[in-house]
N, C-alpha and C. Protein backbone atom coordinates (compact mmCIF):
# COMPACT_ATOMS: atom_id res chain seq x y z
N MET A 1 3.95 7.51 -6.79
CA MET A 1 4.83 6.80 -5.90
C MET A 1 5.81 5.98 -6.75
N PHE A 2 7.08 6.06 -6.41
CA PHE A 2 8.11 5.33 -7.14
C PHE A 2 9.08 4.73 -6.13
N GLY A 3 9.45 3.49 -6.31
CA GLY A 3 10.36 2.83 -5.39
C GLY A 3 11.33 1.92 -6.12
N VAL A 4 12.56 1.85 -5.63
CA VAL A 4 13.57 0.96 -6.19
C VAL A 4 14.07 0.06 -5.07
N VAL A 5 14.07 -1.24 -5.32
CA VAL A 5 14.53 -2.22 -4.34
C VAL A 5 15.81 -2.85 -4.87
N HIS A 6 16.79 -2.98 -4.00
CA HIS A 6 18.07 -3.61 -4.33
C HIS A 6 18.80 -2.82 -5.41
N LEU A 7 19.06 -1.57 -5.10
CA LEU A 7 19.64 -0.63 -6.05
C LEU A 7 21.06 -1.01 -6.48
N THR A 8 21.89 -1.52 -5.58
CA THR A 8 23.29 -1.79 -5.90
C THR A 8 23.54 -3.15 -6.52
N ARG A 9 22.55 -4.04 -6.52
CA ARG A 9 22.63 -5.39 -7.09
C ARG A 9 23.73 -6.24 -6.46
N ALA A 10 24.06 -6.02 -5.19
CA ALA A 10 25.06 -6.82 -4.50
C ALA A 10 24.46 -8.18 -4.12
N SER A 11 25.29 -9.20 -4.08
CA SER A 11 24.80 -10.53 -3.72
C SER A 11 24.57 -10.59 -2.21
N GLN A 12 23.60 -11.38 -1.80
CA GLN A 12 23.25 -11.53 -0.40
C GLN A 12 23.65 -12.94 0.03
N ARG A 13 24.47 -13.04 1.09
CA ARG A 13 24.96 -14.33 1.58
C ARG A 13 24.45 -14.59 2.99
N THR A 14 24.15 -15.85 3.25
CA THR A 14 23.76 -16.29 4.59
C THR A 14 24.71 -17.40 4.99
N SER A 15 25.29 -17.30 6.19
CA SER A 15 26.22 -18.33 6.64
C SER A 15 25.89 -18.72 8.08
N PHE A 16 26.29 -19.94 8.47
CA PHE A 16 26.05 -20.43 9.83
C PHE A 16 27.21 -20.07 10.76
N GLN A 17 28.37 -20.66 10.54
CA GLN A 17 29.49 -20.45 11.46
C GLN A 17 30.69 -19.81 10.77
N LEU A 18 31.02 -20.26 9.59
CA LEU A 18 32.20 -19.77 8.91
C LEU A 18 31.82 -18.71 7.87
N ALA A 19 32.58 -17.63 7.81
CA ALA A 19 32.26 -16.54 6.88
C ALA A 19 32.54 -16.93 5.43
N ASN A 20 33.48 -17.86 5.20
CA ASN A 20 33.82 -18.23 3.83
C ASN A 20 33.04 -19.45 3.32
N ALA A 21 32.08 -19.96 4.08
CA ALA A 21 31.26 -21.10 3.67
C ALA A 21 29.79 -20.70 3.72
N PRO A 22 29.28 -20.11 2.65
CA PRO A 22 27.89 -19.63 2.68
C PRO A 22 26.88 -20.77 2.68
N TYR A 23 25.79 -20.58 3.39
CA TYR A 23 24.67 -21.52 3.42
C TYR A 23 23.76 -21.26 2.22
N ALA A 24 23.51 -19.99 1.94
CA ALA A 24 22.66 -19.62 0.82
C ALA A 24 23.24 -18.38 0.14
N LEU A 25 23.12 -18.32 -1.17
CA LEU A 25 23.62 -17.19 -1.94
C LEU A 25 22.51 -16.75 -2.88
N CYS A 26 22.14 -15.49 -2.80
CA CYS A 26 21.06 -14.96 -3.60
C CYS A 26 21.58 -13.75 -4.38
N GLU A 27 21.34 -13.73 -5.67
CA GLU A 27 21.75 -12.61 -6.52
C GLU A 27 20.53 -12.05 -7.25
N PRO A 28 19.67 -11.33 -6.52
CA PRO A 28 18.48 -10.78 -7.17
C PRO A 28 18.82 -9.56 -8.02
N GLY A 29 18.00 -9.27 -8.96
CA GLY A 29 18.19 -8.10 -9.80
C GLY A 29 17.51 -6.88 -9.21
N ARG A 30 17.69 -5.78 -9.87
CA ARG A 30 17.08 -4.52 -9.44
C ARG A 30 15.58 -4.56 -9.75
N THR A 31 14.77 -4.05 -8.84
CA THR A 31 13.32 -4.01 -9.00
C THR A 31 12.83 -2.58 -8.86
N CYS A 32 12.13 -2.10 -9.86
CA CYS A 32 11.53 -0.76 -9.82
C CYS A 32 10.02 -0.91 -9.73
N GLN A 33 9.41 -0.11 -8.86
CA GLN A 33 7.97 -0.17 -8.67
C GLN A 33 7.37 1.21 -8.87
N VAL A 34 6.27 1.25 -9.60
CA VAL A 34 5.55 2.51 -9.82
C VAL A 34 4.12 2.26 -9.38
N GLY A 35 3.60 3.17 -8.55
CA GLY A 35 2.23 3.02 -8.06
C GLY A 35 1.42 4.29 -8.26
N LEU A 36 0.13 4.13 -8.27
CA LEU A 36 -0.79 5.24 -8.45
C LEU A 36 -1.92 5.10 -7.45
N ARG A 37 -2.18 6.16 -6.70
CA ARG A 37 -3.29 6.14 -5.76
C ARG A 37 -4.35 7.11 -6.23
N ALA A 38 -5.57 6.65 -6.25
CA ALA A 38 -6.67 7.49 -6.69
C ALA A 38 -7.94 7.14 -5.93
N SER A 39 -8.82 8.08 -5.82
CA SER A 39 -10.13 7.81 -5.21
C SER A 39 -11.21 8.34 -6.16
N PHE A 40 -12.28 7.61 -6.19
CA PHE A 40 -13.38 7.97 -7.10
C PHE A 40 -14.59 8.40 -6.31
């Protein structure tokens, strides 16, 4: 299993009323996840 979160690295903005006045600005990086499932 392989997964990538936030592939484009675009910033995420949250605003209340005005589009040009952000309440919160988050710039997370790209996250890659590798998983393994097994049964014994």
